[in-house]
Amino acid sequence: MWLSSVDYFVYSFLGMSGRFANSLHFFIYDLVKILTLVLIIIYIISLMQTYIKTDTIKNFISGKPQLVGNILAAIFGIVTPFCSCSSIPLFLGFTQARIPRSATFSFLISSPMNNEIVIAILFATFGWKIAFLYTFFGLLTAVVGGYIIDRVSCDEDIIISVTCMNNKNDTKFKELVFRKRAHNAWQNAVKIIKDIYLYVIAGIFIGAIIHGFVPTDFIVKYAGDNNPFAVLVAVVAGIPMYLGASTVAPLIEPLVSKGMLMGTALSFMMAVVSLSLPEAMILKKIISWRLIGIFFSIVGIGIILVGYLFNAIL
């Protein structure tokens, strides 16, 4: 219905044709669709967050076996709307609370990678299958990555002073009626949309330019299935970029439509949202350069493997 309406508006009502018309069609169609679905999904996630107390999660994770703790920490990362840098304060809180190192790194990997904005845009653009697979492989990368990092690191890699923290906030979690929770969740969802909509517009605008004007042969040559190193190049290119999920996620559809393999495009996005130079500089205050190198290497390798696996199964 929405697609046919946009078709009529651009090609019949405006009487446009050619590359510019295709770009305008892409921009209008994706902008409304993505912003609407992102608002709905963020609202659902925000409503879930009203039932989650961070201190309870910390205590729950700390008492579980390593694998279970990693899985719980990675899942918790999905409902924390943080980028790679803003995930660090909670990562520090986990460290100070003596949560096992493997679980803290599983959270640090999962939180930006499994950002609800990314999941919402993938769902809006490609459907539930791609969104589910992306989330599953993101969680797998976080769980396995946390385990490996714990095995190859040591206590001396944590350079910040870790003190035993008592839970001072042990009062009963405030009980809220559902109507109040729903109201708070809606306010939070609207606030997030207000914060990100310009970045979403920017991302979709760039995507529209790619969709309408970038030759398919150009994308296929450097990032298509003929280049066996396409995923590696995409990940290396993504690390220096510090873009929010709301900006980079809308670029996936036009890149794929122009011939980039899905796994290559998703690995590029994973690298952009999960690994960044600003994140490394902030982490330097908490962990050693050695552990930062281990963290970036393991997550980067995990993203590359996920990219090739995506390309193999899709």
C-alpha atoms as a PDB file:
ATOM      1  CA  MET A   1       0.000   0.000   0.000  1.00  0.00           C
ATOM      2  CA  TRP A   2       2.696   2.470   1.018  1.00  0.00           C
ATOM      3  CA  LEU A   3       4.897   1.404  -1.895  1.00  0.00           C
ATOM      4  CA  SER A   4       2.124   1.937  -4.432  1.00  0.00           C
ATOM      5  CA  SER A   5       1.347   5.348  -2.915  1.00  0.00           C
ATOM      6  CA  VAL A   6       4.950   6.455  -3.300  1.00  0.00           C
ATOM      7  CA  ASP A   7       5.022   5.029  -6.839  1.00  0.00           C
ATOM      8  CA  TYR A   8       2.000   7.136  -7.753  1.00  0.00           C
ATOM      9  CA  PHE A   9       3.326  10.297  -6.100  1.00  0.00           C
ATOM     10  CA  VAL A  10       6.775  10.213  -7.735  1.00  0.00           C
ATOM     11  CA  TYR A  11       6.123   8.683 -11.136  1.00  0.00           C
ATOM     12  CA  SER A  12       2.527   9.769 -11.852  1.00  0.00           C
ATOM     13  CA  PHE A  13       1.649  12.833  -9.763  1.00  0.00           C
ATOM     14  CA  LEU A  14       5.086  14.465 -10.157  1.00  0.00           C
ATOM     15  CA  GLY A  15       5.626  12.877 -13.546  1.00  0.00           C
ATOM     16  CA  MET A  16       9.286  12.194 -12.831  1.00  0.00           C
ATOM     17  CA  SER A  17      11.570   9.556 -14.280  1.00  0.00           C
ATOM     18  CA  GLY A  18      15.225   8.638 -14.405  1.00  0.00           C
ATOM     19  CA  ARG A  19      17.891   8.441 -11.716  1.00  0.00           C
ATOM     20  CA  PHE A  20      16.698  11.437  -9.709  1.00  0.00           C
ATOM     21  CA  ALA A  21      13.179  10.014  -9.568  1.00  0.00           C
ATOM     22  CA  ASN A  22      14.520   6.671  -8.380  1.00  0.00           C
ATOM     23  CA  SER A  23      16.554   8.413  -5.664  1.00  0.00           C
ATOM     24  CA  LEU A  24      13.552  10.493  -4.555  1.00  0.00           C
ATOM     25  CA  HIS A  25      11.342   7.397  -4.486  1.00  0.00           C
ATOM     26  CA  PHE A  26      13.898   5.535  -2.368  1.00  0.00           C
ATOM     27  CA  PHE A  27      14.242   8.495   0.025  1.00  0.00           C
ATOM     28  CA  ILE A  28      10.498   9.012   0.620  1.00  0.00           C
ATOM     29  CA  TYR A  29       9.626   5.331   0.854  1.00  0.00           C
ATOM     30  CA  ASP A  30      12.454   4.370   3.224  1.00  0.00           C
ATOM     31  CA  LEU A  31      12.249   7.487   5.388  1.00  0.00           C
ATOM     32  CA  VAL A  32       8.619   7.023   6.365  1.00  0.00           C
ATOM     33  CA  LYS A  33       8.861   3.227   6.650  1.00  0.00           C
ATOM     34  CA  ILE A  34      12.050   3.208   8.724  1.00  0.00           C
ATOM     35  CA  LEU A  35      11.107   6.043  11.085  1.00  0.00           C
ATOM     36  CA  THR A  36       7.692   4.469  11.735  1.00  0.00           C
ATOM     37  CA  LEU A  37       9.033   1.003  12.489  1.00  0.00           C
ATOM     38  CA  VAL A  38      11.976   2.350  14.509  1.00  0.00           C
ATOM     39  CA  LEU A  39       9.527   4.311  16.676  1.00  0.00           C
ATOM     40  CA  ILE A  40       7.409   1.200  17.270  1.00  0.00           C
ATOM     41  CA  ILE A  41      10.346  -1.079  18.072  1.00  0.00           C
ATOM     42  CA  ILE A  42      12.072   1.467  20.314  1.00  0.00           C
ATOM     43  CA  TYR A  43       8.774   1.890  22.171  1.00  0.00           C
ATOM     44  CA  ILE A  44       8.585  -1.870  22.769  1.00  0.00           C
ATOM     45  CA  ILE A  45      12.231  -1.970  23.940  1.00  0.00           C
ATOM     46  CA  SER A  46      11.649   1.077  26.167  1.00  0.00           C
ATOM     47  CA  LEU A  47       8.644  -0.625  27.739  1.00  0.00           C
ATOM     48  CA  MET A  48      10.783  -3.697  28.451  1.00  0.00           C
ATOM     49  CA  GLN A  49      13.412  -1.478  30.052  1.00  0.00           C
ATOM     50  CA  THR A  50      10.905  -0.232  32.644  1.00  0.00           C
ATOM     51  CA  TYR A  51      10.880  -3.761  34.065  1.00  0.00           C
ATOM     52  CA  ILE A  52      14.674  -4.137  34.175  1.00  0.00           C
ATOM     53  CA  LYS A  53      16.801  -2.940  37.078  1.00  0.00           C
ATOM     54  CA  THR A  54      20.512  -2.693  36.255  1.00  0.00           C
ATOM     55  CA  ASP A  55      21.674  -3.672  39.753  1.00  0.00           C
ATOM     56  CA  THR A  56      19.490  -6.765  39.635  1.00  0.00           C
ATOM     57  CA  ILE A  57      20.997  -7.731  36.295  1.00  0.00           C
ATOM     58  CA  LYS A  58      24.508  -7.293  37.699  1.00  0.00           C
ATOM     59  CA  ASN A  59      23.776  -9.495  40.692  1.00  0.00           C
ATOM     60  CA  PHE A  60      22.017 -12.075  38.531  1.00  0.00           C
ATOM     61  CA  ILE A  61      24.908 -12.355  36.054  1.00  0.00           C
ATOM     62  CA  SER A  62      27.618 -12.534  38.723  1.00  0.00           C
ATOM     63  CA  GLY A  63      26.124 -15.669  40.248  1.00  0.00           C
ATOM     64  CA  LYS A  64      25.891 -17.689  37.034  1.00  0.00           C
ATOM     65  CA  PRO A  65      28.314 -20.064  35.229  1.00  0.00           C
ATOM     66  CA  GLN A  66      30.560 -18.383  32.693  1.00  0.00           C
ATOM     67  CA  LEU A  67      28.644 -19.366  29.559  1.00  0.00           C
ATOM     68  CA  VAL A  68      25.284 -18.460  31.073  1.00  0.00           C
ATOM     69  CA  GLY A  69      26.679 -15.150  32.341  1.00  0.00           C
ATOM     70  CA  ASN A  70      28.031 -14.324  28.880  1.00  0.00           C
ATOM     71  CA  ILE A  71      24.698 -15.095  27.240  1.00  0.00           C
ATOM     72  CA  LEU A  72      22.772 -13.013  29.770  1.00  0.00           C
ATOM     73  CA  ALA A  73      25.198 -10.093  29.423  1.00  0.00           C
ATOM     74  CA  ALA A  74      24.967 -10.248  25.619  1.00  0.00           C
ATOM     75  CA  ILE A  75      21.161 -10.315  25.730  1.00  0.00           C
ATOM     76  CA  PHE A  76      21.190  -7.427  28.210  1.00  0.00           C
ATOM     77  CA  GLY A  77      23.199  -5.509  25.608  1.00  0.00           C
ATOM     78  CA  ILE A  78      20.214  -5.619  23.239  1.00  0.00           C
ATOM     79  CA  VAL A  79      18.007  -3.585  25.584  1.00  0.00           C
ATOM     80  CA  THR A  80      20.660  -0.964  26.358  1.00  0.00           C
ATOM     81  CA  PRO A  81      20.491   1.721  23.621  1.00  0.00           C
ATOM     82  CA  PHE A  82      24.197   2.590  23.593  1.00  0.00           C
ATOM     83  CA  CYS A  83      26.800   3.206  20.927  1.00  0.00           C
ATOM     84  CA  SER A  84      30.343   1.840  21.274  1.00  0.00           C
ATOM     85  CA  CYS A  85      31.439   4.779  23.444  1.00  0.00           C
ATOM     86  CA  SER A  86      28.350   5.201  25.603  1.00  0.00           C
ATOM     87  CA  SER A  87      28.437   1.476  26.473  1.00  0.00           C
ATOM     88  CA  ILE A  88      31.680   2.022  28.377  1.00  0.00           C
ATOM     89  CA  PRO A  89      30.222   3.558  31.592  1.00  0.00           C
ATOM     90  CA  LEU A  90      28.093   0.468  32.198  1.00  0.00           C
ATOM     91  CA  PHE A  91      31.055  -1.721  31.220  1.00  0.00           C
ATOM     92  CA  LEU A  92      33.030   0.125  33.908  1.00  0.00           C
ATOM     93  CA  GLY A  93      30.192  -0.409  36.365  1.00  0.00           C
ATOM     94  CA  PHE A  94      30.263  -4.134  35.644  1.00  0.00           C
ATOM     95  CA  THR A  95      34.024  -4.140  36.187  1.00  0.00           C
ATOM     96  CA  GLN A  96      33.743  -2.265  39.477  1.00  0.00           C
ATOM     97  CA  ALA A  97      31.009  -4.644  40.611  1.00  0.00           C
ATOM     98  CA  ARG A  98      33.402  -7.548  39.968  1.00  0.00           C
ATOM     99  CA  ILE A  99      31.210  -9.093  37.299  1.00  0.00           C
ATOM    100  CA  PRO A 100      33.320 -11.781  35.529  1.00  0.00           C
ATOM    101  CA  ARG A 101      35.520 -10.303  32.819  1.00  0.00           C
ATOM    102  CA  SER A 102      34.063 -12.566  30.134  1.00  0.00           C
ATOM    103  CA  ALA A 103      30.532 -11.282  30.805  1.00  0.00           C
ATOM    104  CA  THR A 104      31.601  -7.617  30.876  1.00  0.00           C
ATOM    105  CA  PHE A 105      33.204  -7.943  27.454  1.00  0.00           C
ATOM    106  CA  SER A 106      30.222  -9.879  26.097  1.00  0.00           C
ATOM    107  CA  PHE A 107      28.114  -6.880  27.081  1.00  0.00           C
ATOM    108  CA  LEU A 108      30.594  -4.389  25.608  1.00  0.00           C
ATOM    109  CA  ILE A 109      30.521  -6.240  22.273  1.00  0.00           C
ATOM    110  CA  SER A 110      26.782  -6.821  22.178  1.00  0.00           C
ATOM    111  CA  SER A 111      25.447  -3.447  23.284  1.00  0.00           C
ATOM    112  CA  PRO A 112      26.445  -1.360  20.232  1.00  0.00           C
ATOM    113  CA  MET A 113      26.352  -4.251  17.745  1.00  0.00           C
ATOM    114  CA  ASN A 114      22.840  -5.374  18.685  1.00  0.00           C
ATOM    115  CA  ASN A 115      21.553  -1.829  18.932  1.00  0.00           C
ATOM    116  CA  GLU A 116      17.765  -1.786  18.722  1.00  0.00           C
ATOM    117  CA  ILE A 117      17.933   0.901  16.021  1.00  0.00           C
ATOM    118  CA  VAL A 118      20.007  -1.411  13.815  1.00  0.00           C
ATOM    119  CA  ILE A 119      17.619  -4.301  14.417  1.00  0.00           C
ATOM    120  CA  ALA A 120      14.592  -2.105  13.711  1.00  0.00           C
ATOM    121  CA  ILE A 121      16.023  -0.768  10.443  1.00  0.00           C
ATOM    122  CA  LEU A 122      17.056  -4.248   9.277  1.00  0.00           C
ATOM    123  CA  PHE A 123      13.575  -5.529  10.080  1.00  0.00           C
ATOM    124  CA  ALA A 124      11.974  -2.595   8.255  1.00  0.00           C
ATOM    125  CA  THR A 125      14.234  -3.025   5.234  1.00  0.00           C
ATOM    126  CA  PHE A 126      14.837  -6.765   4.832  1.00  0.00           C
ATOM    127  CA  GLY A 127      12.269  -8.471   7.046  1.00  0.00           C
ATOM    128  CA  TRP A 128      12.415 -10.599  10.157  1.00  0.00           C
ATOM    129  CA  LYS A 129      14.782 -13.278   8.788  1.00  0.00           C
ATOM    130  CA  ILE A 130      17.727 -10.952   8.183  1.00  0.00           C
ATOM    131  CA  ALA A 131      17.046  -9.065  11.427  1.00  0.00           C
ATOM    132  CA  PHE A 132      16.941 -12.336  13.364  1.00  0.00           C
ATOM    133  CA  LEU A 133      20.101 -13.733  11.774  1.00  0.00           C
ATOM    134  CA  TYR A 134      21.956 -10.480  12.379  1.00  0.00           C
ATOM    135  CA  THR A 135      20.908 -10.471  16.041  1.00  0.00           C
ATOM    136  CA  PHE A 136      21.757 -14.151  16.474  1.00  0.00           C
ATOM    137  CA  PHE A 137      25.233 -13.807  14.969  1.00  0.00           C
ATOM    138  CA  GLY A 138      25.770 -10.601  16.920  1.00  0.00           C
ATOM    139  CA  LEU A 139      24.960 -12.414  20.162  1.00  0.00           C
ATOM    140  CA  LEU A 140      27.164 -15.340  19.146  1.00  0.00           C
ATOM    141  CA  THR A 141      30.072 -12.985  18.441  1.00  0.00           C
ATOM    142  CA  ALA A 142      29.570 -11.336  21.824  1.00  0.00           C
ATOM    143  CA  VAL A 143      29.343 -14.600  23.784  1.00  0.00           C
ATOM    144  CA  VAL A 144      32.324 -16.266  22.106  1.00  0.00           C
ATOM    145  CA  GLY A 145      34.323 -13.036  22.030  1.00  0.00           C
ATOM    146  CA  GLY A 146      33.848 -12.508  25.765  1.00  0.00           C
ATOM    147  CA  TYR A 147      34.957 -16.067  26.462  1.00  0.00           C
ATOM    148  CA  ILE A 148      38.127 -15.800  24.349  1.00  0.00           C
ATOM    149  CA  ILE A 149      39.037 -12.375  25.727  1.00  0.00           C
ATOM    150  CA  ASP A 150      38.754 -13.741  29.255  1.00  0.00           C
ATOM    151  CA  ARG A 151      41.052 -16.661  28.377  1.00  0.00           C
ATOM    152  CA  VAL A 152      43.834 -14.605  26.803  1.00  0.00           C
ATOM    153  CA  SER A 153      43.753 -11.595  29.160  1.00  0.00           C
ATOM    154  CA  CYS A 154      44.837 -11.247  32.766  1.00  0.00           C
ATOM    155  CA  ASP A 155      43.991  -9.166  35.831  1.00  0.00           C
ATOM    156  CA  GLU A 156      46.897  -6.805  35.139  1.00  0.00           C
ATOM    157  CA  ASP A 157      45.156  -5.697  31.937  1.00  0.00           C
ATOM    158  CA  ILE A 158      42.535  -3.916  34.055  1.00  0.00           C
ATOM    159  CA  ILE A 159      44.419  -0.727  34.906  1.00  0.00           C
ATOM    160  CA  ILE A 160      41.647   1.098  36.732  1.00  0.00           C
ATOM    161  CA  SER A 161      41.359   0.513  40.462  1.00  0.00           C
ATOM    162  CA  VAL A 162      38.639  -2.052  41.122  1.00  0.00           C
ATOM    163  CA  THR A 163      37.031  -1.714  44.516  1.00  0.00           C
ATOM    164  CA  CYS A 164      34.458  -3.933  46.086  1.00  0.00           C
ATOM    165  CA  MET A 165      31.185  -2.118  45.592  1.00  0.00           C
ATOM    166  CA  ASN A 166      28.250  -2.685  47.888  1.00  0.00           C
ATOM    167  CA  ASN A 167      24.818  -2.295  46.420  1.00  0.00           C
ATOM    168  CA  LYS A 168      23.649   0.912  48.053  1.00  0.00           C
ATOM    169  CA  ASN A 169      20.498   0.945  46.004  1.00  0.00           C
ATOM    170  CA  ASP A 170      18.819  -2.033  47.632  1.00  0.00           C
ATOM    171  CA  THR A 171      15.468  -0.378  48.107  1.00  0.00           C
ATOM    172  CA  LYS A 172      12.525  -2.049  46.480  1.00  0.00           C
ATOM    173  CA  PHE A 173      12.334  -1.323  42.780  1.00  0.00           C
ATOM    174  CA  LYS A 174       9.606   1.225  42.349  1.00  0.00           C
ATOM    175  CA  GLU A 175       6.358  -0.392  41.338  1.00  0.00           C
ATOM    176  CA  LEU A 176       4.669   1.321  38.429  1.00  0.00           C
ATOM    177  CA  VAL A 177       1.264   0.644  36.965  1.00  0.00           C
ATOM    178  CA  PHE A 178       1.311  -0.440  33.345  1.00  0.00           C
ATOM    179  CA  ARG A 179      -0.225   2.830  32.159  1.00  0.00           C
ATOM    180  CA  LYS A 180       2.656   4.781  33.706  1.00  0.00           C
ATOM    181  CA  ARG A 181       5.238   2.414  32.258  1.00  0.00           C
ATOM    182  CA  ALA A 182       3.631   2.718  28.825  1.00  0.00           C
ATOM    183  CA  HIS A 183       3.617   6.511  29.116  1.00  0.00           C
ATOM    184  CA  ASN A 184       7.282   6.618  30.157  1.00  0.00           C
ATOM    185  CA  ALA A 185       8.212   4.219  27.355  1.00  0.00           C
ATOM    186  CA  TRP A 186       6.417   6.394  24.789  1.00  0.00           C
ATOM    187  CA  GLN A 187       8.163   9.524  26.054  1.00  0.00           C
ATOM    188  CA  ASN A 188      11.528   7.774  25.818  1.00  0.00           C
ATOM    189  CA  ALA A 189      10.787   6.476  22.321  1.00  0.00           C
ATOM    190  CA  VAL A 190       9.793   9.938  21.122  1.00  0.00           C
ATOM    191  CA  LYS A 191      12.904  11.432  22.724  1.00  0.00           C
ATOM    192  CA  ILE A 192      15.157   8.918  20.967  1.00  0.00           C
ATOM    193  CA  ILE A 193      13.444   9.590  17.634  1.00  0.00           C
ATOM    194  CA  LYS A 194      13.998  13.329  18.147  1.00  0.00           C
ATOM    195  CA  ASP A 195      17.663  12.635  18.885  1.00  0.00           C
ATOM    196  CA  ILE A 196      18.295  10.427  15.865  1.00  0.00           C
ATOM    197  CA  TYR A 197      15.913  11.483  13.111  1.00  0.00           C
ATOM    198  CA  LEU A 198      18.390  13.883  11.499  1.00  0.00           C
ATOM    199  CA  TYR A 199      20.984  11.102  11.376  1.00  0.00           C
ATOM    200  CA  VAL A 200      18.427   8.723   9.901  1.00  0.00           C
ATOM    201  CA  ILE A 201      17.562  11.331   7.269  1.00  0.00           C
ATOM    202  CA  ALA A 202      21.264  11.813   6.511  1.00  0.00           C
ATOM    203  CA  GLY A 203      21.823   8.074   6.185  1.00  0.00           C
ATOM    204  CA  ILE A 204      18.795   7.576   3.939  1.00  0.00           C
ATOM    205  CA  PHE A 205      19.811  10.606   1.842  1.00  0.00           C
ATOM    206  CA  ILE A 206      23.259   9.113   1.245  1.00  0.00           C
ATOM    207  CA  GLY A 207      21.616   5.776   0.542  1.00  0.00           C
ATOM    208  CA  ALA A 208      19.293   7.431  -1.988  1.00  0.00           C
ATOM    209  CA  ILE A 209      22.292   8.926  -3.810  1.00  0.00           C
ATOM    210  CA  ILE A 210      23.944   5.493  -3.892  1.00  0.00           C
ATOM    211  CA  HIS A 211      20.698   3.892  -5.054  1.00  0.00           C
ATOM    212  CA  GLY A 212      20.112   6.341  -7.865  1.00  0.00           C
ATOM    213  CA  PHE A 213      23.525   7.413  -9.081  1.00  0.00           C
ATOM    214  CA  VAL A 214      26.310   4.983  -8.091  1.00  0.00           C
ATOM    215  CA  PRO A 215      26.899   2.484 -10.913  1.00  0.00           C
ATOM    216  CA  THR A 216      26.221  -1.124 -10.015  1.00  0.00           C
ATOM    217  CA  ASP A 217      29.474  -2.214 -11.656  1.00  0.00           C
ATOM    218  CA  PHE A 218      31.473  -0.046  -9.258  1.00  0.00           C
ATOM    219  CA  ILE A 219      30.048  -1.740  -6.149  1.00  0.00           C
ATOM    220  CA  VAL A 220      30.267  -5.226  -7.653  1.00  0.00           C
ATOM    221  CA  LYS A 221      33.897  -4.711  -8.675  1.00  0.00           C
ATOM    222  CA  TYR A 222      35.137  -3.862  -5.189  1.00  0.00           C
ATOM    223  CA  ALA A 223      32.590  -5.466  -2.868  1.00  0.00           C
ATOM    224  CA  GLY A 224      30.815  -8.127  -4.904  1.00  0.00           C
ATOM    225  CA  ASP A 225      31.268 -11.881  -4.869  1.00  0.00           C
ATOM    226  CA  ASN A 226      34.189 -11.593  -7.304  1.00  0.00           C
ATOM    227  CA  ASN A 227      36.370 -10.075  -4.608  1.00  0.00           C
ATOM    228  CA  PRO A 228      37.259 -12.720  -1.981  1.00  0.00           C
ATOM    229  CA  PHE A 229      38.657 -10.005   0.312  1.00  0.00           C
ATOM    230  CA  ALA A 230      35.542  -7.819   0.216  1.00  0.00           C
ATOM    231  CA  VAL A 231      34.485  -8.595   3.809  1.00  0.00           C
ATOM    232  CA  LEU A 232      37.988  -7.967   5.153  1.00  0.00           C
ATOM    233  CA  VAL A 233      38.191  -4.638   3.309  1.00  0.00           C
ATOM    234  CA  ALA A 234      34.728  -3.647   4.553  1.00  0.00           C
ATOM    235  CA  VAL A 235      35.651  -4.314   8.202  1.00  0.00           C
ATOM    236  CA  VAL A 236      38.987  -2.503   7.992  1.00  0.00           C
ATOM    237  CA  ALA A 237      37.279   0.449   6.300  1.00  0.00           C
ATOM    238  CA  GLY A 238      34.549   0.552   8.937  1.00  0.00           C
ATOM    239  CA  ILE A 239      36.770   0.731  12.032  1.00  0.00           C
ATOM    240  CA  PRO A 240      38.030   4.331  11.572  1.00  0.00           C
ATOM    241  CA  MET A 241      34.473   5.575  11.031  1.00  0.00           C
ATOM    242  CA  TYR A 242      32.549   6.730  14.081  1.00  0.00           C
ATOM    243  CA  LEU A 243      28.974   6.821  12.865  1.00  0.00           C
ATOM    244  CA  GLY A 244      25.826   6.158  14.811  1.00  0.00           C
ATOM    245  CA  ALA A 245      23.715   3.135  14.005  1.00  0.00           C
ATOM    246  CA  SER A 246      20.942   5.438  12.802  1.00  0.00           C
ATOM    247  CA  THR A 247      23.255   6.809  10.094  1.00  0.00           C
ATOM    248  CA  VAL A 248      25.029   3.693   8.866  1.00  0.00           C
ATOM    249  CA  ALA A 249      22.127   1.186   8.982  1.00  0.00           C
ATOM    250  CA  PRO A 250      20.075   2.905   6.230  1.00  0.00           C
ATOM    251  CA  LEU A 251      23.069   2.509   3.890  1.00  0.00           C
ATOM    252  CA  ILE A 252      22.816  -1.291   3.847  1.00  0.00           C
ATOM    253  CA  GLU A 253      19.828  -1.543   1.502  1.00  0.00           C
ATOM    254  CA  PRO A 254      21.257   0.627  -1.316  1.00  0.00           C
ATOM    255  CA  LEU A 255      24.645  -1.077  -1.047  1.00  0.00           C
ATOM    256  CA  VAL A 256      23.027  -4.497  -1.335  1.00  0.00           C
ATOM    257  CA  SER A 257      20.744  -3.355  -4.160  1.00  0.00           C
ATOM    258  CA  LYS A 258      23.834  -2.226  -6.077  1.00  0.00           C
ATOM    259  CA  GLY A 259      25.500  -5.610  -5.838  1.00  0.00           C
ATOM    260  CA  MET A 260      27.307  -5.711  -2.483  1.00  0.00           C
ATOM    261  CA  LEU A 261      26.778  -9.058  -0.808  1.00  0.00           C
ATOM    262  CA  MET A 262      24.615  -8.984   2.295  1.00  0.00           C
ATOM    263  CA  GLY A 263      27.343 -10.368   4.556  1.00  0.00           C
ATOM    264  CA  THR A 264      29.835  -7.771   3.321  1.00  0.00           C
ATOM    265  CA  ALA A 265      27.392  -4.924   3.951  1.00  0.00           C
ATOM    266  CA  LEU A 266      26.446  -6.198   7.407  1.00  0.00           C
ATOM    267  CA  SER A 267      30.080  -6.749   8.413  1.00  0.00           C
ATOM    268  CA  PHE A 268      30.811  -3.167   7.398  1.00  0.00           C
ATOM    269  CA  MET A 269      27.970  -1.951   9.609  1.00  0.00           C
ATOM    270  CA  MET A 270      29.067  -4.170  12.499  1.00  0.00           C
ATOM    271  CA  ALA A 271      32.582  -2.733  12.341  1.00  0.00           C
ATOM    272  CA  VAL A 272      31.323   0.852  12.210  1.00  0.00           C
ATOM    273  CA  VAL A 273      28.961   0.526  15.198  1.00  0.00           C
ATOM    274  CA  SER A 274      31.041  -1.861  17.342  1.00  0.00           C
ATOM    275  CA  LEU A 275      34.643  -0.742  16.899  1.00  0.00           C
ATOM    276  CA  SER A 276      35.819   2.855  16.784  1.00  0.00           C
ATOM    277  CA  LEU A 277      38.959   4.836  17.538  1.00  0.00           C
ATOM    278  CA  PRO A 278      37.127   7.075  20.073  1.00  0.00           C
ATOM    279  CA  GLU A 279      36.073   3.906  21.894  1.00  0.00           C
ATOM    280  CA  ALA A 280      39.719   2.779  22.058  1.00  0.00           C
ATOM    281  CA  MET A 281      40.804   6.123  23.525  1.00  0.00           C
ATOM    282  CA  ILE A 282      38.132   5.963  26.244  1.00  0.00           C
ATOM    283  CA  LEU A 283      38.911   2.324  27.035  1.00  0.00           C
ATOM    284  CA  LYS A 284      42.580   3.311  27.534  1.00  0.00           C
ATOM    285  CA  LYS A 285      41.505   4.784  30.878  1.00  0.00           C
ATOM    286  CA  ILE A 286      40.198   1.397  31.998  1.00  0.00           C
ATOM    287  CA  ILE A 287      42.211  -1.366  30.325  1.00  0.00           C
ATOM    288  CA  SER A 288      45.700  -1.765  28.898  1.00  0.00           C
ATOM    289  CA  TRP A 289      46.646  -1.207  25.278  1.00  0.00           C
ATOM    290  CA  ARG A 290      47.347  -4.928  25.108  1.00  0.00           C
ATOM    291  CA  LEU A 291      43.775  -5.772  26.069  1.00  0.00           C
ATOM    292  CA  ILE A 292      42.415  -3.108  23.725  1.00  0.00           C
ATOM    293  CA  GLY A 293      44.364  -4.757  20.911  1.00  0.00           C
ATOM    294  CA  ILE A 294      43.018  -8.182  21.910  1.00  0.00           C
ATOM    295  CA  PHE A 295      39.471  -6.802  22.083  1.00  0.00           C
ATOM    296  CA  PHE A 296      39.629  -5.145  18.656  1.00  0.00           C
ATOM    297  CA  SER A 297      41.336  -8.155  17.064  1.00  0.00           C
ATOM    298  CA  ILE A 298      38.904 -10.750  18.393  1.00  0.00           C
ATOM    299  CA  VAL A 299      35.799  -8.689  17.631  1.00  0.00           C
ATOM    300  CA  GLY A 300      37.162  -7.780  14.195  1.00  0.00           C
ATOM    301  CA  ILE A 301      37.893 -11.418  13.356  1.00  0.00           C
ATOM    302  CA  GLY A 302      34.452 -12.390  14.634  1.00  0.00           C
ATOM    303  CA  ILE A 303      32.785  -9.791  12.414  1.00  0.00           C
ATOM    304  CA  ILE A 304      34.793 -10.973   9.383  1.00  0.00           C
ATOM    305  CA  LEU A 305      33.762 -14.588   9.998  1.00  0.00           C
ATOM    306  CA  VAL A 306      30.131 -13.540  10.404  1.00  0.00           C
ATOM    307  CA  GLY A 307      30.330 -11.616   7.128  1.00  0.00           C
ATOM    308  CA  TYR A 308      31.645 -14.607   5.191  1.00  0.00           C
ATOM    309  CA  LEU A 309      29.107 -16.884   6.885  1.00  0.00           C
ATOM    310  CA  PHE A 310      26.281 -14.549   5.903  1.00  0.00           C
ATOM    311  CA  ASN A 311      27.511 -14.533   2.313  1.00  0.00           C
ATOM    312  CA  ALA A 312      27.629 -18.329   2.321  1.00  0.00           C
ATOM    313  CA  ILE A 313      24.095 -18.915   3.608  1.00  0.00           C
ATOM    314  CA  LEU A 314      22.231 -16.084   1.874  1.00  0.00           C
END
